[in-house]
PDB file of N, CA and C in Angstrom:
ATOM      1  N   MET A   1      11.872   0.745   5.473  1.00  0.00           N
ATOM      2  CA  MET A   1      11.494  -0.649   5.379  1.00  0.00           C
ATOM      3  C   MET A   1      10.225  -0.790   6.286  1.00  0.00           C
ATOM      4  N   GLU A   2       9.278  -1.611   5.766  1.00  0.00           N
ATOM      5  CA  GLU A   2       8.090  -1.939   6.516  1.00  0.00           C
ATOM      6  C   GLU A   2       7.944  -3.460   6.574  1.00  0.00           C
ATOM      7  N   CYS A   3       7.791  -3.941   7.807  1.00  0.00           N
ATOM      8  CA  CYS A   3       7.554  -5.421   7.936  1.00  0.00           C
ATOM      9  C   CYS A   3       6.123  -5.635   8.443  1.00  0.00           C
ATOM     10  N   GLY A   4       5.390  -6.346   7.662  1.00  0.00           N
ATOM     11  CA  GLY A   4       3.975  -6.734   8.049  1.00  0.00           C
ATOM     12  C   GLY A   4       3.930  -8.125   8.552  1.00  0.00           C
ATOM     13  N   PRO A   5       2.712  -8.642   8.803  1.00  0.00           N
ATOM     14  CA  PRO A   5       2.580 -10.004   9.400  1.00  0.00           C
ATOM     15  C   PRO A   5       3.055 -11.069   8.476  1.00  0.00           C
ATOM     16  N   THR A   6       2.971 -10.857   7.112  1.00  0.00           N
ATOM     17  CA  THR A   6       3.335 -11.910   6.192  1.00  0.00           C
ATOM     18  C   THR A   6       4.208 -11.400   5.057  1.00  0.00           C
ATOM     19  N   GLY A   7       4.630 -10.123   5.060  1.00  0.00           N
ATOM     20  CA  GLY A   7       5.336  -9.534   3.924  1.00  0.00           C
ATOM     21  C   GLY A   7       6.309  -8.475   4.377  1.00  0.00           C
ATOM     22  N   THR A   8       7.175  -8.059   3.499  1.00  0.00           N
ATOM     23  CA  THR A   8       8.149  -7.012   3.754  1.00  0.00           C
ATOM     24  C   THR A   8       8.136  -6.026   2.538  1.00  0.00           C
ATOM     25  N   ALA A   9       8.337  -4.753   2.785  1.00  0.00           N
ATOM     26  CA  ALA A   9       8.433  -3.755   1.768  1.00  0.00           C
ATOM     27  C   ALA A   9       9.610  -2.822   2.028  1.00  0.00           C
ATOM     28  N   THR A  10      10.142  -2.325   1.006  1.00  0.00           N
ATOM     29  CA  THR A  10      11.262  -1.370   1.064  1.00  0.00           C
ATOM     30  C   THR A  10      11.014  -0.259   0.029  1.00  0.00           C
ATOM     31  N   ILE A  11      11.058   1.006   0.512  1.00  0.00           N
ATOM     32  CA  ILE A  11      10.927   2.162  -0.363  1.00  0.00           C
ATOM     33  C   ILE A  11      12.244   2.808  -0.551  1.00  0.00           C
ATOM     34  N   LEU A  12      12.636   3.016  -1.780  1.00  0.00           N
ATOM     35  CA  LEU A  12      13.993   3.664  -2.058  1.00  0.00           C
ATOM     36  C   LEU A  12      13.731   5.192  -2.107  1.00  0.00           C
ATOM     37  N   SER A  13      14.824   5.936  -2.018  1.00  0.00           N
ATOM     38  CA  SER A  13      14.677   7.414  -1.962  1.00  0.00           C
ATOM     39  C   SER A  13      14.093   7.985  -3.178  1.00  0.00           C
ATOM     40  N   ASP A  14      14.143   7.276  -4.319  1.00  0.00           N
ATOM     41  CA  ASP A  14      13.511   7.797  -5.560  1.00  0.00           C
ATOM     42  C   ASP A  14      12.039   7.389  -5.740  1.00  0.00           C
ATOM     43  N   GLY A  15      11.446   6.763  -4.670  1.00  0.00           N
ATOM     44  CA  GLY A  15      10.039   6.511  -4.663  1.00  0.00           C
ATOM     45  C   GLY A  15       9.673   5.072  -5.195  1.00  0.00           C
ATOM     46  N   ARG A  16      10.670   4.299  -5.625  1.00  0.00           N
ATOM     47  CA  ARG A  16      10.417   2.987  -6.031  1.00  0.00           C
ATOM     48  C   ARG A  16      10.184   2.079  -4.847  1.00  0.00           C
ATOM     49  N   CYS A  17       9.312   1.032  -4.978  1.00  0.00           N
ATOM     50  CA  CYS A  17       9.005   0.215  -3.818  1.00  0.00           C
ATOM     51  C   CYS A  17       9.154  -1.237  -4.247  1.00  0.00           C
ATOM     52  N   PHE A  18       9.682  -2.025  -3.364  1.00  0.00           N
ATOM     53  CA  PHE A  18       9.906  -3.491  -3.518  1.00  0.00           C
ATOM     54  C   PHE A  18       9.172  -4.276  -2.429  1.00  0.00           C
ATOM     55  N   THR A  19       8.414  -5.268  -2.763  1.00  0.00           N
ATOM     56  CA  THR A  19       7.781  -6.039  -1.741  1.00  0.00           C
ATOM     57  C   THR A  19       8.068  -7.556  -1.975  1.00  0.00           C
ATOM     58  N   TYR A  20       7.908  -8.364  -0.894  1.00  0.00           N
ATOM     59  CA  TYR A  20       8.036  -9.813  -1.018  1.00  0.00           C
ATOM     60  C   TYR A  20       7.424 -10.455   0.215  1.00  0.00           C
ATOM     61  N   GLY A  21       6.990 -11.667   0.063  1.00  0.00           N
ATOM     62  CA  GLY A  21       6.403 -12.481   1.161  1.00  0.00           C
ATOM     63  C   GLY A  21       5.152 -13.173   0.671  1.00  0.00           C
ATOM     64  N   SER A  22       4.299 -13.527   1.602  1.00  0.00           N
ATOM     65  CA  SER A  22       3.056 -14.196   1.278  1.00  0.00           C
ATOM     66  C   SER A  22       2.106 -13.227   0.506  1.00  0.00           C
ATOM     67  N   ASN A  23       1.404 -13.683  -0.438  1.00  0.00           N
ATOM     68  CA  ASN A  23       0.588 -12.875  -1.359  1.00  0.00           C
ATOM     69  C   ASN A  23      -0.792 -13.519  -1.638  1.00  0.00           C
ATOM     70  N   LYS A  24      -1.334 -14.245  -0.653  1.00  0.00           N
ATOM     71  CA  LYS A  24      -2.535 -15.064  -0.942  1.00  0.00           C
ATOM     72  C   LYS A  24      -3.733 -14.220  -1.390  1.00  0.00           C
ATOM     73  N   ASN A  25      -3.817 -13.007  -1.066  1.00  0.00           N
ATOM     74  CA  ASN A  25      -4.958 -12.101  -1.477  1.00  0.00           C
ATOM     75  C   ASN A  25      -4.490 -10.952  -2.384  1.00  0.00           C
ATOM     76  N   GLY A  26      -3.283 -11.027  -2.912  1.00  0.00           N
ATOM     77  CA  GLY A  26      -2.771  -9.977  -3.733  1.00  0.00           C
ATOM     78  C   GLY A  26      -2.237  -8.789  -2.927  1.00  0.00           C
ATOM     79  N   GLU A  27      -2.048  -8.967  -1.643  1.00  0.00           N
ATOM     80  CA  GLU A  27      -1.700  -7.853  -0.761  1.00  0.00           C
ATOM     81  C   GLU A  27      -0.341  -7.242  -0.995  1.00  0.00           C
ATOM     82  N   LEU A  28       0.486  -7.789  -1.805  1.00  0.00           N
ATOM     83  CA  LEU A  28       1.765  -7.263  -2.087  1.00  0.00           C
ATOM     84  C   LEU A  28       1.753  -6.288  -3.292  1.00  0.00           C
ATOM     85  N   GLY A  29       0.666  -6.247  -4.004  1.00  0.00           N
ATOM     86  CA  GLY A  29       0.491  -5.204  -5.057  1.00  0.00           C
ATOM     87  C   GLY A  29       1.021  -5.565  -6.418  1.00  0.00           C
ATOM     88  N   HIS A  30       1.293  -6.839  -6.678  1.00  0.00           N
ATOM     89  CA  HIS A  30       1.852  -7.222  -7.972  1.00  0.00           C
ATOM     90  C   HIS A  30       0.801  -7.733  -9.008  1.00  0.00           C
ATOM     91  N   GLY A  31      -0.455  -7.598  -8.695  1.00  0.00           N
ATOM     92  CA  GLY A  31      -1.432  -7.950  -9.621  1.00  0.00           C
ATOM     93  C   GLY A  31      -1.777  -9.461  -9.736  1.00  0.00           C
ATOM     94  N   ASN A  32      -1.282 -10.200  -8.785  1.00  0.00           N
ATOM     95  CA  ASN A  32      -1.572 -11.669  -8.782  1.00  0.00           C
ATOM     96  C   ASN A  32      -1.615 -12.102  -7.342  1.00  0.00           C
ATOM     97  N   LYS A  33      -1.805 -13.387  -7.152  1.00  0.00           N
ATOM     98  CA  LYS A  33      -1.855 -14.000  -5.811  1.00  0.00           C
ATOM     99  C   LYS A  33      -0.769 -14.989  -5.607  1.00  0.00           C
ATOM    100  N   LYS A  34       0.354 -14.868  -6.267  1.00  0.00           N
ATOM    101  CA  LYS A  34       1.467 -15.809  -6.098  1.00  0.00           C
ATOM    102  C   LYS A  34       2.439 -15.159  -5.071  1.00  0.00           C
ATOM    103  N   ASP A  35       2.891 -16.066  -4.175  1.00  0.00           N
ATOM    104  CA  ASP A  35       3.910 -15.600  -3.192  1.00  0.00           C
ATOM    105  C   ASP A  35       5.121 -15.032  -3.928  1.00  0.00           C
ATOM    106  N   ILE A  36       5.663 -14.001  -3.379  1.00  0.00           N
ATOM    107  CA  ILE A  36       6.921 -13.348  -3.937  1.00  0.00           C
ATOM    108  C   ILE A  36       8.052 -13.701  -3.008  1.00  0.00           C
ATOM    109  N   LEU A  37       9.041 -14.441  -3.497  1.00  0.00           N
ATOM    110  CA  LEU A  37      10.113 -14.919  -2.703  1.00  0.00           C
ATOM    111  C   LEU A  37      11.339 -14.019  -2.604  1.00  0.00           C
ATOM    112  N   VAL A  38      11.501 -13.066  -3.514  1.00  0.00           N
ATOM    113  CA  VAL A  38      12.579 -12.132  -3.512  1.00  0.00           C
ATOM    114  C   VAL A  38      12.072 -10.694  -3.669  1.00  0.00           C
ATOM    115  N   PRO A  39      12.716  -9.730  -3.190  1.00  0.00           N
ATOM    116  CA  PRO A  39      12.251  -8.356  -3.343  1.00  0.00           C
ATOM    117  C   PRO A  39      11.957  -8.069  -4.812  1.00  0.00           C
ATOM    118  N   THR A  40      10.726  -7.633  -5.117  1.00  0.00           N
ATOM    119  CA  THR A  40      10.303  -7.371  -6.465  1.00  0.00           C
ATOM    120  C   THR A  40       9.647  -6.019  -6.561  1.00  0.00           C
ATOM    121  N   GLN A  41      10.058  -5.242  -7.505  1.00  0.00           N
ATOM    122  CA  GLN A  41       9.574  -3.868  -7.631  1.00  0.00           C
ATOM    123  C   GLN A  41       8.089  -3.873  -8.059  1.00  0.00           C
ATOM    124  N   LEU A  42       7.320  -2.927  -7.387  1.00  0.00           N
ATOM    125  CA  LEU A  42       5.954  -2.758  -7.763  1.00  0.00           C
ATOM    126  C   LEU A  42       5.928  -1.978  -9.142  1.00  0.00           C
ATOM    127  N   THR A  43       5.103  -2.459  -9.997  1.00  0.00           N
ATOM    128  CA  THR A  43       4.999  -1.773 -11.270  1.00  0.00           C
ATOM    129  C   THR A  43       3.480  -1.450 -11.457  1.00  0.00           C
ATOM    130  N   VAL A  44       3.216  -0.222 -12.030  1.00  0.00           N
ATOM    131  CA  VAL A  44       1.900   0.166 -12.289  1.00  0.00           C
ATOM    132  C   VAL A  44       1.780   0.602 -13.755  1.00  0.00           C
ATOM    133  N   PRO A  45       0.531   0.612 -14.255  1.00  0.00           N
ATOM    134  CA  PRO A  45       0.383   1.120 -15.673  1.00  0.00           C
ATOM    135  C   PRO A  45       0.865   2.565 -15.773  1.00  0.00           C
ATOM    136  N   GLU A  46       1.399   2.982 -16.922  1.00  0.00           N
ATOM    137  CA  GLU A  46       1.822   4.350 -17.110  1.00  0.00           C
ATOM    138  C   GLU A  46       0.713   5.319 -16.958  1.00  0.00           C
ATOM    139  N   SER A  47      -0.496   4.882 -17.153  1.00  0.00           N
ATOM    140  CA  SER A  47      -1.712   5.784 -17.016  1.00  0.00           C
ATOM    141  C   SER A  47      -1.987   6.112 -15.552  1.00  0.00           C
ATOM    142  N   CYS A  48      -1.433   5.360 -14.590  1.00  0.00           N
ATOM    143  CA  CYS A  48      -1.706   5.523 -13.242  1.00  0.00           C
ATOM    144  C   CYS A  48      -0.757   6.624 -12.689  1.00  0.00           C
ATOM    145  N   PRO A  49      -1.289   7.620 -12.020  1.00  0.00           N
ATOM    146  CA  PRO A  49      -0.459   8.760 -11.502  1.00  0.00           C
ATOM    147  C   PRO A  49       0.653   8.260 -10.634  1.00  0.00           C
ATOM    148  N   LEU A  50       0.531   7.191  -9.931  1.00  0.00           N
ATOM    149  CA  LEU A  50       1.579   6.595  -9.104  1.00  0.00           C
ATOM    150  C   LEU A  50       2.775   6.334  -9.859  1.00  0.00           C
ATOM    151  N   SER A  51       2.728   6.034 -11.214  1.00  0.00           N
ATOM    152  CA  SER A  51       3.920   5.729 -11.985  1.00  0.00           C
ATOM    153  C   SER A  51       4.819   6.957 -12.030  1.00  0.00           C
ATOM    154  N   GLU A  52       4.354   8.158 -11.817  1.00  0.00           N
ATOM    155  CA  GLU A  52       5.161   9.339 -11.874  1.00  0.00           C
ATOM    156  C   GLU A  52       5.509   9.904 -10.528  1.00  0.00           C
ATOM    157  N   THR A  53       4.622   9.783  -9.585  1.00  0.00           N
ATOM    158  CA  THR A  53       4.871  10.424  -8.301  1.00  0.00           C
ATOM    159  C   THR A  53       5.830   9.685  -7.350  1.00  0.00           C
ATOM    160  N   GLY A  54       5.725   8.378  -7.332  1.00  0.00           N
ATOM    161  CA  GLY A  54       6.534   7.583  -6.438  1.00  0.00           C
ATOM    162  C   GLY A  54       5.797   7.435  -5.162  1.00  0.00           C
ATOM    163  N   ILE A  55       6.294   6.521  -4.392  1.00  0.00           N
ATOM    164  CA  ILE A  55       5.603   6.101  -3.112  1.00  0.00           C
ATOM    165  C   ILE A  55       6.333   6.792  -1.890  1.00  0.00           C
ATOM    166  N   SER A  56       5.616   7.317  -0.977  1.00  0.00           N
ATOM    167  CA  SER A  56       6.132   7.899   0.240  1.00  0.00           C
ATOM    168  C   SER A  56       6.097   7.055   1.455  1.00  0.00           C
ATOM    169  N   SER A  57       5.010   6.211   1.538  1.00  0.00           N
ATOM    170  CA  SER A  57       4.892   5.249   2.630  1.00  0.00           C
ATOM    171  C   SER A  57       4.073   4.104   2.218  1.00  0.00           C
ATOM    172  N   ILE A  58       4.277   2.987   2.990  1.00  0.00           N
ATOM    173  CA  ILE A  58       3.464   1.754   2.739  1.00  0.00           C
ATOM    174  C   ILE A  58       3.236   1.114   4.114  1.00  0.00           C
ATOM    175  N   LYS A  59       2.151   0.473   4.216  1.00  0.00           N
ATOM    176  CA  LYS A  59       1.761  -0.362   5.359  1.00  0.00           C
ATOM    177  C   LYS A  59       1.306  -1.650   4.881  1.00  0.00           C
ATOM    178  N   LEU A  60       1.779  -2.710   5.563  1.00  0.00           N
ATOM    179  CA  LEU A  60       1.348  -4.105   5.131  1.00  0.00           C
ATOM    180  C   LEU A  60       0.451  -4.673   6.167  1.00  0.00           C
ATOM    181  N   GLY A  61      -0.697  -5.233   5.731  1.00  0.00           N
ATOM    182  CA  GLY A  61      -1.540  -5.906   6.680  1.00  0.00           C
ATOM    183  C   GLY A  61      -1.588  -7.440   6.391  1.00  0.00           C
ATOM    184  N   ASN A  62      -2.502  -8.086   7.080  1.00  0.00           N
ATOM    185  CA  ASN A  62      -2.617  -9.579   6.867  1.00  0.00           C
ATOM    186  C   ASN A  62      -3.176  -9.898   5.480  1.00  0.00           C
ATOM    187  N   ASN A  63      -4.257  -9.188   5.037  1.00  0.00           N
ATOM    188  CA  ASN A  63      -4.948  -9.504   3.864  1.00  0.00           C
ATOM    189  C   ASN A  63      -4.885  -8.484   2.806  1.00  0.00           C
ATOM    190  N   PHE A  64      -4.451  -7.256   3.154  1.00  0.00           N
ATOM    191  CA  PHE A  64      -4.426  -6.136   2.191  1.00  0.00           C
ATOM    192  C   PHE A  64      -3.283  -5.201   2.644  1.00  0.00           C
ATOM    193  N   SER A  65      -2.878  -4.291   1.799  1.00  0.00           N
ATOM    194  CA  SER A  65      -1.865  -3.355   2.062  1.00  0.00           C
ATOM    195  C   SER A  65      -2.174  -1.981   1.491  1.00  0.00           C
ATOM    196  N   ALA A  66      -1.549  -0.943   1.889  1.00  0.00           N
ATOM    197  CA  ALA A  66      -1.836   0.411   1.381  1.00  0.00           C
ATOM    198  C   ALA A  66      -0.600   1.185   1.232  1.00  0.00           C
ATOM    199  N   ILE A  67      -0.587   2.046   0.220  1.00  0.00           N
ATOM    200  CA  ILE A  67       0.524   3.019  -0.002  1.00  0.00           C
ATOM    201  C   ILE A  67      -0.045   4.405  -0.142  1.00  0.00           C
ATOM    202  N   ILE A  68       0.772   5.361   0.262  1.00  0.00           N
ATOM    203  CA  ILE A  68       0.512   6.745   0.049  1.00  0.00           C
ATOM    204  C   ILE A  68       1.556   7.253  -0.903  1.00  0.00           C
ATOM    205  N   ASP A  69       1.152   7.973  -1.991  1.00  0.00           N
ATOM    206  CA  ASP A  69       2.144   8.372  -2.970  1.00  0.00           C
ATOM    207  C   ASP A  69       2.596   9.834  -2.477  1.00  0.00           C
ATOM    208  N   LYS A  70       3.548  10.321  -3.205  1.00  0.00           N
ATOM    209  CA  LYS A  70       4.160  11.617  -2.822  1.00  0.00           C
ATOM    210  C   LYS A  70       3.196  12.768  -2.963  1.00  0.00           C
ATOM    211  N   ASN A  71       2.002  12.515  -3.612  1.00  0.00           N
ATOM    212  CA  ASN A  71       0.959  13.579  -3.747  1.00  0.00           C
ATOM    213  C   ASN A  71      -0.015  13.435  -2.551  1.00  0.00           C
ATOM    214  N   GLY A  72       0.078  12.380  -1.772  1.00  0.00           N
ATOM    215  CA  GLY A  72      -0.894  12.180  -0.682  1.00  0.00           C
ATOM    216  C   GLY A  72      -2.033  11.301  -1.098  1.00  0.00           C
ATOM    217  N   ASP A  73      -2.010  10.720  -2.270  1.00  0.00           N
ATOM    218  CA  ASP A  73      -3.133   9.806  -2.703  1.00  0.00           C
ATOM    219  C   ASP A  73      -2.914   8.456  -2.089  1.00  0.00           C
ATOM    220  N   LEU A  74      -3.952   7.825  -1.780  1.00  0.00           N
ATOM    221  CA  LEU A  74      -3.922   6.485  -1.127  1.00  0.00           C
ATOM    222  C   LEU A  74      -4.372   5.392  -2.096  1.00  0.00           C
ATOM    223  N   TYR A  75      -3.553   4.325  -2.147  1.00  0.00           N
ATOM    224  CA  TYR A  75      -3.902   3.144  -2.950  1.00  0.00           C
ATOM    225  C   TYR A  75      -3.886   1.935  -2.066  1.00  0.00           C
ATOM    226  N   THR A  76      -4.900   1.047  -2.226  1.00  0.00           N
ATOM    227  CA  THR A  76      -4.886  -0.184  -1.502  1.00  0.00           C
ATOM    228  C   THR A  76      -4.901  -1.354  -2.424  1.00  0.00           C
ATOM    229  N   PHE A  77      -4.360  -2.485  -1.955  1.00  0.00           N
ATOM    230  CA  PHE A  77      -4.354  -3.703  -2.831  1.00  0.00           C
ATOM    231  C   PHE A  77      -4.494  -4.940  -1.871  1.00  0.00           C
ATOM    232  N   GLY A  78      -5.055  -6.020  -2.557  1.00  0.00           N
ATOM    233  CA  GLY A  78      -5.516  -7.145  -1.790  1.00  0.00           C
ATOM    234  C   GLY A  78      -6.970  -6.902  -1.453  1.00  0.00           C
ATOM    235  N   PHE A  79      -7.728  -7.994  -1.507  1.00  0.00           N
ATOM    236  CA  PHE A  79      -9.163  -7.868  -1.227  1.00  0.00           C
ATOM    237  C   PHE A  79      -9.807  -6.717  -1.964  1.00  0.00           C
ATOM    238  N   ASP A  80      -9.642  -6.671  -3.306  1.00  0.00           N
ATOM    239  CA  ASP A  80     -10.204  -5.623  -4.215  1.00  0.00           C
ATOM    240  C   ASP A  80      -9.818  -4.258  -3.826  1.00  0.00           C
ATOM    241  N   GLY A  81      -8.599  -3.926  -4.002  1.00  0.00           N
ATOM    242  CA  GLY A  81      -8.092  -2.669  -3.690  1.00  0.00           C
ATOM    243  C   GLY A  81      -8.802  -1.453  -4.334  1.00  0.00           C
ATOM    244  N   SER A  82      -8.485  -0.278  -3.778  1.00  0.00           N
ATOM    245  CA  SER A  82      -9.180   0.958  -4.195  1.00  0.00           C
ATOM    246  C   SER A  82      -8.104   2.070  -4.241  1.00  0.00           C
ATOM    247  N   THR A  83      -8.588   3.194  -4.772  1.00  0.00           N
ATOM    248  CA  THR A  83      -7.725   4.432  -4.848  1.00  0.00           C
ATOM    249  C   THR A  83      -8.548   5.552  -4.254  1.00  0.00           C
ATOM    250  N   PHE A  84      -7.917   6.353  -3.347  1.00  0.00           N
ATOM    251  CA  PHE A  84      -8.563   7.533  -2.760  1.00  0.00           C
ATOM    252  C   PHE A  84      -7.618   8.662  -3.028  1.00  0.00           C
ATOM    253  N   SER A  85      -8.171   9.767  -3.599  1.00  0.00           N
ATOM    254  CA  SER A  85      -7.285  10.874  -3.975  1.00  0.00           C
ATOM    255  C   SER A  85      -7.216  11.975  -2.820  1.00  0.00           C
ATOM    256  N   GLY A  86      -6.084  12.542  -2.734  1.00  0.00           N
ATOM    257  CA  GLY A  86      -5.938  13.729  -2.073  1.00  0.00           C
ATOM    258  C   GLY A  86      -5.637  13.732  -0.512  1.00  0.00           C
ATOM    259  N   GLY A  87      -4.509  14.288  -0.201  1.00  0.00           N
ATOM    260  CA  GLY A  87      -4.243  14.786   1.100  1.00  0.00           C
ATOM    261  C   GLY A  87      -4.157  13.736   2.226  1.00  0.00           C
ATOM    262  N   MET A  88      -3.778  12.495   2.034  1.00  0.00           N
ATOM    263  CA  MET A  88      -3.658  11.572   3.132  1.00  0.00           C
ATOM    264  C   MET A  88      -2.396  11.820   3.885  1.00  0.00           C
ATOM    265  N   GLY A  89      -2.468  11.743   5.192  1.00  0.00           N
ATOM    266  CA  GLY A  89      -1.309  12.038   6.005  1.00  0.00           C
ATOM    267  C   GLY A  89      -0.723  10.897   6.717  1.00  0.00           C
ATOM    268  N   TYR A  90      -1.579  10.200   7.572  1.00  0.00           N
ATOM    269  CA  TYR A  90      -1.030   9.113   8.392  1.00  0.00           C
ATOM    270  C   TYR A  90      -1.947   7.885   8.128  1.00  0.00           C
ATOM    271  N   LEU A  91      -1.397   6.723   8.118  1.00  0.00           N
ATOM    272  CA  LEU A  91      -2.062   5.488   7.777  1.00  0.00           C
ATOM    273  C   LEU A  91      -1.648   4.404   8.826  1.00  0.00           C
ATOM    274  N   LYS A  92      -2.615   3.630   9.226  1.00  0.00           N
ATOM    275  CA  LYS A  92      -2.405   2.518  10.156  1.00  0.00           C
ATOM    276  C   LYS A  92      -3.299   1.402   9.759  1.00  0.00           C
ATOM    277  N   LEU A  93      -2.748   0.171   9.598  1.00  0.00           N
ATOM    278  CA  LEU A  93      -3.537  -0.999   9.266  1.00  0.00           C
ATOM    279  C   LEU A  93      -3.533  -1.994  10.412  1.00  0.00           C
ATOM    280  N   GLY A  94      -4.663  -2.625  10.638  1.00  0.00           N
ATOM    281  CA  GLY A  94      -4.737  -3.722  11.582  1.00  0.00           C
ATOM    282  C   GLY A  94      -5.019  -4.997  10.747  1.00  0.00           C
ATOM    283  N   ASN A  95      -5.470  -6.050  11.443  1.00  0.00           N
ATOM    284  CA  ASN A  95      -5.728  -7.299  10.686  1.00  0.00           C
ATOM    285  C   ASN A  95      -6.801  -7.075   9.598  1.00  0.00           C
ATOM    286  N   ASN A  96      -7.903  -6.489   9.974  1.00  0.00           N
ATOM    287  CA  ASN A  96      -9.023  -6.373   9.086  1.00  0.00           C
ATOM    288  C   ASN A  96      -9.629  -4.962   9.178  1.00  0.00           C
ATOM    289  N   PHE A  97      -8.821  -3.930   9.482  1.00  0.00           N
ATOM    290  CA  PHE A  97      -9.277  -2.651   9.803  1.00  0.00           C
ATOM    291  C   PHE A  97      -8.255  -1.644   9.504  1.00  0.00           C
ATOM    292  N   SER A  98      -8.585  -0.465   9.059  1.00  0.00           N
ATOM    293  CA  SER A  98      -7.620   0.634   8.717  1.00  0.00           C
ATOM    294  C   SER A  98      -8.097   1.963   9.293  1.00  0.00           C
ATOM    295  N   ALA A  99      -7.175   2.817   9.546  1.00  0.00           N
ATOM    296  CA  ALA A  99      -7.445   4.154   9.964  1.00  0.00           C
ATOM    297  C   ALA A  99      -6.526   5.107   9.226  1.00  0.00           C
ATOM    298  N   ILE A 100      -7.074   6.271   8.697  1.00  0.00           N
ATOM    299  CA  ILE A 100      -6.348   7.205   8.019  1.00  0.00           C
ATOM    300  C   ILE A 100      -6.586   8.603   8.680  1.00  0.00           C
ATOM    301  N   ILE A 101      -5.657   9.382   8.851  1.00  0.00           N
ATOM    302  CA  ILE A 101      -5.807  10.793   9.208  1.00  0.00           C
ATOM    303  C   ILE A 101      -5.304  11.621   8.016  1.00  0.00           C
ATOM    304  N   ASP A 102      -6.218  12.490   7.479  1.00  0.00           N
ATOM    305  CA  ASP A 102      -5.804  13.264   6.347  1.00  0.00           C
ATOM    306  C   ASP A 102      -5.034  14.519   6.828  1.00  0.00           C
ATOM    307  N   LYS A 103      -4.516  15.273   5.884  1.00  0.00           N
ATOM    308  CA  LYS A 103      -3.705  16.449   6.289  1.00  0.00           C
ATOM    309  C   LYS A 103      -4.451  17.547   6.958  1.00  0.00           C
ATOM    310  N   ASN A 104      -5.815  17.433   7.009  1.00  0.00           N
ATOM    311  CA  ASN A 104      -6.614  18.404   7.694  1.00  0.00           C
ATOM    312  C   ASN A 104      -6.964  17.868   9.151  1.00  0.00           C
ATOM    313  N   GLY A 105      -6.443  16.664   9.464  1.00  0.00           N
ATOM    314  CA  GLY A 105      -6.662  16.114  10.774  1.00  0.00           C
ATOM    315  C   GLY A 105      -7.940  15.320  10.871  1.00  0.00           C
ATOM    316  N   ASP A 106      -8.662  15.123   9.702  1.00  0.00           N
ATOM    317  CA  ASP A 106      -9.902  14.265   9.782  1.00  0.00           C
ATOM    318  C   ASP A 106      -9.547  12.785   9.816  1.00  0.00           C
ATOM    319  N   LEU A 107     -10.293  12.027  10.618  1.00  0.00           N
ATOM    320  CA  LEU A 107     -10.035  10.566  10.735  1.00  0.00           C
ATOM    321  C   LEU A 107     -11.045   9.833   9.897  1.00  0.00           C
ATOM    322  N   TYR A 108     -10.576   8.835   9.161  1.00  0.00           N
ATOM    323  CA  TYR A 108     -11.414   7.959   8.330  1.00  0.00           C
ATOM    324  C   TYR A 108     -11.043   6.504   8.773  1.00  0.00           C
ATOM    325  N   THR A 109     -12.033   5.660   8.956  1.00  0.00           N
ATOM    326  CA  THR A 109     -11.810   4.286   9.254  1.00  0.00           C
ATOM    327  C   THR A 109     -12.595   3.362   8.281  1.00  0.00           C
ATOM    328  N   PHE A 110     -12.086   2.233   8.018  1.00  0.00           N
ATOM    329  CA  PHE A 110     -12.715   1.270   7.157  1.00  0.00           C
ATOM    330  C   PHE A 110     -12.213  -0.105   7.442  1.00  0.00           C
ATOM    331  N   GLY A 111     -13.008  -1.135   7.122  1.00  0.00           N
ATOM    332  CA  GLY A 111     -12.665  -2.500   7.298  1.00  0.00           C
ATOM    333  C   GLY A 111     -13.923  -3.326   7.705  1.00  0.00           C
ATOM    334  N   PHE A 112     -13.617  -4.521   8.232  1.00  0.00           N
ATOM    335  CA  PHE A 112     -14.706  -5.369   8.679  1.00  0.00           C
ATOM    336  C   PHE A 112     -15.397  -4.775   9.953  1.00  0.00           C
ATOM    337  N   ASP A 113     -16.734  -4.880  10.005  1.00  0.00           N
ATOM    338  CA  ASP A 113     -17.444  -4.377  11.164  1.00  0.00           C
ATOM    339  C   ASP A 113     -17.137  -5.163  12.419  1.00  0.00           C
TER     340      ASP A 113
END
């Protein structure tokens, strides 16, 4: 279970993920900006690799959130989310800033200056 500043997420052992809470920027990953009042499963198009791999970790921020799937690919949502492929290891989100350490130990940061 992950508790963020305005939302909550739970990942089940089979890789399914449920989120709920404030969703003003789409940060809960449901493809809209409506608050989610009860745990609701994340759904993705069948064409998205995430639909087959499942989620291994999630971090919730104030305005955006990020997940790493079981292949190590990173997906972000809220504030025009993105997808980054391959080998992500550790993820940390701040209010408007993120840091990722990949499986090679390289550090990547992004967010507001």
